[in-house]
PDB file of N, CA and C in Angstrom:
ATOM      1  N   MET A   1     122.695 119.057  98.179  1.00  0.00           N
ATOM      2  CA  MET A   1     123.739 119.190  99.324  1.00  0.00           C
ATOM      3  C   MET A   1     122.988 118.921 100.721  1.00  0.00           C
ATOM      4  N   THR A   2     123.712 118.228 101.288  1.00  0.00           N
ATOM      5  CA  THR A   2     122.963 117.912 102.680  1.00  0.00           C
ATOM      6  C   THR A   2     123.380 118.842 103.970  1.00  0.00           C
ATOM      7  N   GLY A   3     124.222 119.322 103.794  1.00  0.00           N
ATOM      8  CA  GLY A   3     124.627 120.456 104.806  1.00  0.00           C
ATOM      9  C   GLY A   3     124.027 121.901 104.934  1.00  0.00           C
ATOM     10  N   ALA A   4     124.539 122.598 105.870  1.00  0.00           N
ATOM     11  CA  ALA A   4     123.846 123.931 106.068  1.00  0.00           C
ATOM     12  C   ALA A   4     124.844 124.626 105.295  1.00  0.00           C
ATOM     13  N   ARG A   5     124.544 125.794 104.741  1.00  0.00           N
ATOM     14  CA  ARG A   5     125.574 126.863 103.913  1.00  0.00           C
ATOM     15  C   ARG A   5     125.994 127.756 104.946  1.00  0.00           C
ATOM     16  N   ARG A   6     127.342 127.984 105.213  1.00  0.00           N
ATOM     17  CA  ARG A   6     127.675 129.078 106.141  1.00  0.00           C
ATOM     18  C   ARG A   6     128.732 130.237 105.656  1.00  0.00           C
ATOM     19  N   THR A   7     128.524 131.205 105.785  1.00  0.00           N
ATOM     20  CA  THR A   7     129.366 132.123 104.945  1.00  0.00           C
ATOM     21  C   THR A   7     130.013 132.955 106.295  1.00  0.00           C
ATOM     22  N   ILE A   8     131.270 133.033 106.279  1.00  0.00           N
ATOM     23  CA  ILE A   8     131.992 133.680 107.355  1.00  0.00           C
ATOM     24  C   ILE A   8     133.071 135.073 106.729  1.00  0.00           C
ATOM     25  N   ALA A   9     132.808 135.888 107.001  1.00  0.00           N
ATOM     26  CA  ALA A   9     133.525 137.065 106.636  1.00  0.00           C
ATOM     27  C   ALA A   9     134.940 137.265 107.720  1.00  0.00           C
ATOM     28  N   LYS A  10     136.013 137.306 106.822  1.00  0.00           N
ATOM     29  CA  LYS A  10     137.325 137.430 107.504  1.00  0.00           C
ATOM     30  C   LYS A  10     138.459 138.083 106.743  1.00  0.00           C
ATOM     31  N   ASP A  11     139.026 139.201 107.498  1.00  0.00           N
ATOM     32  CA  ASP A  11     140.192 139.994 106.509  1.00  0.00           C
ATOM     33  C   ASP A  11     141.404 138.824 106.528  1.00  0.00           C
ATOM     34  N   LEU A  12     141.687 138.466 105.434  1.00  0.00           N
ATOM     35  CA  LEU A  12     142.790 137.414 105.314  1.00  0.00           C
ATOM     36  C   LEU A  12     144.298 138.206 105.116  1.00  0.00           C
ATOM     37  N   SER A  13     144.116 139.327 104.843  1.00  0.00           N
ATOM     38  CA  SER A  13     145.298 140.195 104.992  1.00  0.00           C
ATOM     39  C   SER A  13     145.861 140.547 106.432  1.00  0.00           C
ATOM     40  N   VAL A  14     145.144 139.797 107.429  1.00  0.00           N
ATOM     41  CA  VAL A  14     145.906 139.985 108.792  1.00  0.00           C
ATOM     42  C   VAL A  14     146.378 138.477 109.090  1.00  0.00           C
ATOM     43  N   LEU A  15     147.595 138.627 109.571  1.00  0.00           N
ATOM     44  CA  LEU A  15     148.527 137.452 109.644  1.00  0.00           C
ATOM     45  C   LEU A  15     147.649 136.746 110.855  1.00  0.00           C
ATOM     46  N   GLY A  16     147.609 135.383 110.462  1.00  0.00           N
ATOM     47  CA  GLY A  16     146.903 134.643 111.591  1.00  0.00           C
ATOM     48  C   GLY A  16     145.498 134.492 111.414  1.00  0.00           C
ATOM     49  N   ALA A  17     144.950 135.200 110.226  1.00  0.00           N
ATOM     50  CA  ALA A  17     143.322 135.227 110.167  1.00  0.00           C
ATOM     51  C   ALA A  17     142.906 133.830 109.492  1.00  0.00           C
ATOM     52  N   ALA A  18     143.735 132.981 108.685  1.00  0.00           N
ATOM     53  CA  ALA A  18     143.465 131.814 108.136  1.00  0.00           C
ATOM     54  C   ALA A  18     143.230 130.944 109.446  1.00  0.00           C
ATOM     55  N   GLU A  19     144.133 130.826 110.376  1.00  0.00           N
ATOM     56  CA  GLU A  19     144.199 129.976 111.348  1.00  0.00           C
ATOM     57  C   GLU A  19     142.701 130.271 112.187  1.00  0.00           C
ATOM     58  N   ALA A  20     142.625 131.501 112.279  1.00  0.00           N
ATOM     59  CA  ALA A  20     141.419 131.975 113.132  1.00  0.00           C
ATOM     60  C   ALA A  20     140.143 131.564 112.482  1.00  0.00           C
ATOM     61  N   LEU A  21     140.070 131.843 111.299  1.00  0.00           N
ATOM     62  CA  LEU A  21     138.973 130.976 110.568  1.00  0.00           C
ATOM     63  C   LEU A  21     138.787 129.743 110.772  1.00  0.00           C
ATOM     64  N   TYR A  22     139.924 128.585 110.350  1.00  0.00           N
ATOM     65  CA  TYR A  22     139.696 127.508 110.786  1.00  0.00           C
ATOM     66  C   TYR A  22     139.248 127.231 112.132  1.00  0.00           C
ATOM     67  N   GLN A  23     139.814 127.790 112.979  1.00  0.00           N
ATOM     68  CA  GLN A  23     139.151 127.567 114.349  1.00  0.00           C
ATOM     69  C   GLN A  23     137.842 128.136 114.498  1.00  0.00           C
ATOM     70  N   GLN A  24     137.356 129.009 114.034  1.00  0.00           N
ATOM     71  CA  GLN A  24     136.085 129.523 114.042  1.00  0.00           C
ATOM     72  C   GLN A  24     135.094 128.267 113.468  1.00  0.00           C
ATOM     73  N   LEU A  25     135.497 127.656 112.552  1.00  0.00           N
ATOM     74  CA  LEU A  25     134.730 126.361 111.858  1.00  0.00           C
ATOM     75  C   LEU A  25     134.700 125.407 112.963  1.00  0.00           C
ATOM     76  N   GLY A  26     135.457 125.110 113.853  1.00  0.00           N
ATOM     77  CA  GLY A  26     135.350 124.222 114.775  1.00  0.00           C
ATOM     78  C   GLY A  26     136.270 122.641 114.437  1.00  0.00           C
ATOM     79  N   GLY A  27     137.103 122.925 113.464  1.00  0.00           N
ATOM     80  CA  GLY A  27     137.801 121.611 113.292  1.00  0.00           C
ATOM     81  C   GLY A  27     137.034 120.544 112.732  1.00  0.00           C
ATOM     82  N   ALA A  28     137.618 119.368 112.759  1.00  0.00           N
ATOM     83  CA  ALA A  28     137.435 118.085 111.955  1.00  0.00           C
ATOM     84  C   ALA A  28     136.067 117.808 112.265  1.00  0.00           C
ATOM     85  N   PRO A  29     135.178 117.823 113.394  1.00  0.00           N
ATOM     86  CA  PRO A  29     133.722 117.130 113.079  1.00  0.00           C
ATOM     87  C   PRO A  29     133.075 118.444 112.418  1.00  0.00           C
ATOM     88  N   HIS A  30     133.423 119.699 112.527  1.00  0.00           N
ATOM     89  CA  HIS A  30     132.619 120.563 111.756  1.00  0.00           C
ATOM     90  C   HIS A  30     133.159 121.043 110.453  1.00  0.00           C
ATOM     91  N   SER A  31     134.204 120.391 109.771  1.00  0.00           N
ATOM     92  CA  SER A  31     134.651 120.863 108.706  1.00  0.00           C
ATOM     93  C   SER A  31     133.648 120.872 107.354  1.00  0.00           C
ATOM     94  N   PRO A  32     134.056 121.622 106.672  1.00  0.00           N
ATOM     95  CA  PRO A  32     133.242 121.695 105.250  1.00  0.00           C
ATOM     96  C   PRO A  32     133.048 120.539 104.365  1.00  0.00           C
ATOM     97  N   ASP A  33     132.163 120.114 103.752  1.00  0.00           N
ATOM     98  CA  ASP A  33     132.517 119.350 102.322  1.00  0.00           C
ATOM     99  C   ASP A  33     133.258 119.714 101.259  1.00  0.00           C
ATOM    100  N   VAL A  34     132.726 121.366 101.250  1.00  0.00           N
ATOM    101  CA  VAL A  34     133.570 121.778  99.879  1.00  0.00           C
ATOM    102  C   VAL A  34     133.704 123.236 100.424  1.00  0.00           C
ATOM    103  N   LEU A  35     135.119 123.771 100.008  1.00  0.00           N
ATOM    104  CA  LEU A  35     135.600 125.123 100.310  1.00  0.00           C
ATOM    105  C   LEU A  35     135.636 125.661  99.151  1.00  0.00           C
ATOM    106  N   VAL A  36     134.968 126.712  99.034  1.00  0.00           N
ATOM    107  CA  VAL A  36     135.133 127.905  97.706  1.00  0.00           C
ATOM    108  C   VAL A  36     135.868 128.838  98.581  1.00  0.00           C
ATOM    109  N   ASN A  37     137.364 128.547  97.701  1.00  0.00           N
ATOM    110  CA  ASN A  37     138.610 129.374  98.433  1.00  0.00           C
ATOM    111  C   ASN A  37     138.400 130.671  97.627  1.00  0.00           C
ATOM    112  N   ASN A  38     137.464 131.576  97.379  1.00  0.00           N
ATOM    113  CA  ASN A  38     137.601 132.715  96.474  1.00  0.00           C
ATOM    114  C   ASN A  38     137.899 133.840  97.065  1.00  0.00           C
ATOM    115  N   VAL A  39     139.042 133.983  97.161  1.00  0.00           N
ATOM    116  CA  VAL A  39     140.016 135.256  97.944  1.00  0.00           C
ATOM    117  C   VAL A  39     140.973 135.839  97.031  1.00  0.00           C
ATOM    118  N   GLY A  40     140.975 136.840  96.978  1.00  0.00           N
ATOM    119  CA  GLY A  40     142.157 137.667  96.240  1.00  0.00           C
ATOM    120  C   GLY A  40     141.705 139.013  95.943  1.00  0.00           C
ATOM    121  N   PHE A  41     142.780 139.866  95.547  1.00  0.00           N
ATOM    122  CA  PHE A  41     142.595 140.984  94.998  1.00  0.00           C
ATOM    123  C   PHE A  41     143.809 141.493  94.161  1.00  0.00           C
ATOM    124  N   GLY A  42     144.058 142.539  93.415  1.00  0.00           N
ATOM    125  CA  GLY A  42     144.726 142.955  92.637  1.00  0.00           C
ATOM    126  C   GLY A  42     145.155 144.560  92.842  1.00  0.00           C
ATOM    127  N   LEU A  43     146.165 145.094  92.459  1.00  0.00           N
ATOM    128  CA  LEU A  43     146.224 146.503  92.645  1.00  0.00           C
ATOM    129  C   LEU A  43     146.757 146.814  91.251  1.00  0.00           C
ATOM    130  N   TYR A  44     146.026 148.110  90.885  1.00  0.00           N
ATOM    131  CA  TYR A  44     146.530 148.908  89.498  1.00  0.00           C
ATOM    132  C   TYR A  44     147.721 149.849  89.637  1.00  0.00           C
ATOM    133  N   GLY A  45     148.312 149.901  88.978  1.00  0.00           N
ATOM    134  CA  GLY A  45     149.648 151.100  88.766  1.00  0.00           C
ATOM    135  C   GLY A  45     151.044 150.341  88.619  1.00  0.00           C
ATOM    136  N   ALA A  46     151.618 151.209  88.394  1.00  0.00           N
ATOM    137  CA  ALA A  46     153.186 150.639  88.366  1.00  0.00           C
ATOM    138  C   ALA A  46     153.630 150.212  89.513  1.00  0.00           C
ATOM    139  N   PHE A  47     154.337 149.270  89.295  1.00  0.00           N
ATOM    140  CA  PHE A  47     154.799 148.500  90.719  1.00  0.00           C
ATOM    141  C   PHE A  47     155.782 149.487  91.533  1.00  0.00           C
ATOM    142  N   ALA A  48     156.455 150.381  91.221  1.00  0.00           N
ATOM    143  CA  ALA A  48     157.250 151.133  91.812  1.00  0.00           C
ATOM    144  C   ALA A  48     156.390 152.197  92.429  1.00  0.00           C
ATOM    145  N   SER A  49     155.322 152.592  92.119  1.00  0.00           N
ATOM    146  CA  SER A  49     154.206 153.531  92.628  1.00  0.00           C
ATOM    147  C   SER A  49     153.481 153.187  93.605  1.00  0.00           C
ATOM    148  N   LEU A  50     153.266 151.713  93.790  1.00  0.00           N
ATOM    149  CA  LEU A  50     152.384 151.042  94.685  1.00  0.00           C
ATOM    150  C   LEU A  50     152.967 150.770  95.885  1.00  0.00           C
ATOM    151  N   GLY A  51     152.354 151.469  97.010  1.00  0.00           N
ATOM    152  CA  GLY A  51     152.768 151.131  98.480  1.00  0.00           C
ATOM    153  C   GLY A  51     153.157 149.641  98.737  1.00  0.00           C
ATOM    154  N   LEU A  52     154.295 149.642  99.695  1.00  0.00           N
ATOM    155  CA  LEU A  52     154.962 148.201  99.840  1.00  0.00           C
ATOM    156  C   LEU A  52     153.992 147.501 101.096  1.00  0.00           C
ATOM    157  N   THR A  53     153.074 148.227 101.637  1.00  0.00           N
ATOM    158  CA  THR A  53     152.205 147.504 102.650  1.00  0.00           C
ATOM    159  C   THR A  53     151.040 146.942 101.852  1.00  0.00           C
ATOM    160  N   ALA A  54     150.577 147.664 100.669  1.00  0.00           N
ATOM    161  CA  ALA A  54     149.460 147.261  99.857  1.00  0.00           C
ATOM    162  C   ALA A  54     150.043 145.849  99.335  1.00  0.00           C
ATOM    163  N   GLN A  55     151.079 145.769  98.923  1.00  0.00           N
ATOM    164  CA  GLN A  55     151.717 144.553  98.327  1.00  0.00           C
ATOM    165  C   GLN A  55     152.082 143.465  99.150  1.00  0.00           C
ATOM    166  N   HIS A  56     152.412 143.768 100.228  1.00  0.00           N
ATOM    167  CA  HIS A  56     152.468 142.796 101.402  1.00  0.00           C
ATOM    168  C   HIS A  56     151.375 142.325 101.572  1.00  0.00           C
ATOM    169  N   ASP A  57     149.830 142.950 102.040  1.00  0.00           N
ATOM    170  CA  ASP A  57     148.731 142.753 101.946  1.00  0.00           C
ATOM    171  C   ASP A  57     148.225 141.540 100.915  1.00  0.00           C
ATOM    172  N   MET A  58     148.450 142.301  99.461  1.00  0.00           N
ATOM    173  CA  MET A  58     148.151 141.182  98.320  1.00  0.00           C
ATOM    174  C   MET A  58     148.753 140.038  98.535  1.00  0.00           C
ATOM    175  N   ILE A  59     149.972 139.658  98.845  1.00  0.00           N
ATOM    176  CA  ILE A  59     150.514 138.369  98.706  1.00  0.00           C
ATOM    177  C   ILE A  59     150.008 137.893  99.934  1.00  0.00           C
ATOM    178  N   GLN A  60     150.076 138.245 101.035  1.00  0.00           N
ATOM    179  CA  GLN A  60     149.083 137.663 102.086  1.00  0.00           C
ATOM    180  C   GLN A  60     147.972 136.954 101.868  1.00  0.00           C
ATOM    181  N   VAL A  61     147.236 137.999 101.289  1.00  0.00           N
ATOM    182  CA  VAL A  61     145.565 137.120 100.881  1.00  0.00           C
ATOM    183  C   VAL A  61     145.886 136.040  99.531  1.00  0.00           C
ATOM    184  N   ASN A  62     146.465 136.862  98.490  1.00  0.00           N
ATOM    185  CA  ASN A  62     146.460 135.753  97.285  1.00  0.00           C
ATOM    186  C   ASN A  62     147.260 134.341  97.307  1.00  0.00           C
ATOM    187  N   VAL A  63     148.410 134.456  98.340  1.00  0.00           N
ATOM    188  CA  VAL A  63     149.215 133.443  98.265  1.00  0.00           C
ATOM    189  C   VAL A  63     149.254 132.973  99.765  1.00  0.00           C
ATOM    190  N   THR A  64     149.416 133.576 100.512  1.00  0.00           N
ATOM    191  CA  THR A  64     149.880 132.779 102.203  1.00  0.00           C
ATOM    192  C   THR A  64     148.409 132.319 102.734  1.00  0.00           C
ATOM    193  N   ALA A  65     147.554 133.415 102.976  1.00  0.00           N
ATOM    194  CA  ALA A  65     146.381 132.911 103.343  1.00  0.00           C
ATOM    195  C   ALA A  65     145.496 131.998 102.795  1.00  0.00           C
ATOM    196  N   LEU A  66     145.703 132.009 101.334  1.00  0.00           N
ATOM    197  CA  LEU A  66     144.887 130.660 100.549  1.00  0.00           C
ATOM    198  C   LEU A  66     145.369 129.611 100.703  1.00  0.00           C
ATOM    199  N   THR A  67     146.853 129.502 100.691  1.00  0.00           N
ATOM    200  CA  THR A  67     147.369 128.314 101.001  1.00  0.00           C
ATOM    201  C   THR A  67     147.214 127.844 102.202  1.00  0.00           C
ATOM    202  N   GLU A  68     147.387 128.569 103.114  1.00  0.00           N
ATOM    203  CA  GLU A  68     147.082 128.130 104.670  1.00  0.00           C
ATOM    204  C   GLU A  68     145.934 127.523 104.864  1.00  0.00           C
ATOM    205  N   LEU A  69     144.869 128.258 104.610  1.00  0.00           N
ATOM    206  CA  LEU A  69     143.657 127.867 104.825  1.00  0.00           C
ATOM    207  C   LEU A  69     143.216 126.469 103.950  1.00  0.00           C
ATOM    208  N   THR A  70     143.659 126.530 103.010  1.00  0.00           N
ATOM    209  CA  THR A  70     143.220 125.344 101.989  1.00  0.00           C
ATOM    210  C   THR A  70     143.994 124.046 102.645  1.00  0.00           C
ATOM    211  N   ARG A  71     145.104 124.130 103.263  1.00  0.00           N
ATOM    212  CA  ARG A  71     146.325 123.382 103.792  1.00  0.00           C
ATOM    213  C   ARG A  71     145.431 122.918 105.400  1.00  0.00           C
ATOM    214  N   LEU A  72     144.987 123.785 105.942  1.00  0.00           N
ATOM    215  CA  LEU A  72     144.054 123.636 107.258  1.00  0.00           C
ATOM    216  C   LEU A  72     142.994 122.889 107.227  1.00  0.00           C
ATOM    217  N   ILE A  73     142.000 123.038 106.053  1.00  0.00           N
ATOM    218  CA  ILE A  73     140.683 122.678 105.704  1.00  0.00           C
ATOM    219  C   ILE A  73     140.955 121.180 105.278  1.00  0.00           C
ATOM    220  N   ILE A  74     141.905 121.078 104.166  1.00  0.00           N
ATOM    221  CA  ILE A  74     141.802 119.886 103.495  1.00  0.00           C
ATOM    222  C   ILE A  74     142.306 118.781 104.307  1.00  0.00           C
ATOM    223  N   ALA A  75     142.882 118.831 105.407  1.00  0.00           N
ATOM    224  CA  ALA A  75     143.264 117.674 106.158  1.00  0.00           C
ATOM    225  C   ALA A  75     142.010 117.090 106.935  1.00  0.00           C
ATOM    226  N   ASP A  76     140.912 117.924 107.135  1.00  0.00           N
ATOM    227  CA  ASP A  76     139.927 117.523 107.784  1.00  0.00           C
ATOM    228  C   ASP A  76     138.561 117.072 106.794  1.00  0.00           C
ATOM    229  N   MET A  77     138.818 116.917 105.496  1.00  0.00           N
ATOM    230  CA  MET A  77     137.842 116.816 104.412  1.00  0.00           C
ATOM    231  C   MET A  77     137.906 115.354 104.620  1.00  0.00           C
TER     232      MET A  77
END
């Protein structure tokens, strides 16, 4: 590994967090060689009994933010 390792904590359930993370990385000249997109969570219980906000957060993290972050960073790799 030639570059320095960097860990950035970000709440990806918040709209715009993936874009903010990308901006924090600094764009193309500072883009990572490897992205470990290890994000996600699940909910336990019957679908009808789980809160809608929690379900929206799960979709935002597991699908939307993951896809957005990958798309932003892969363009610079």
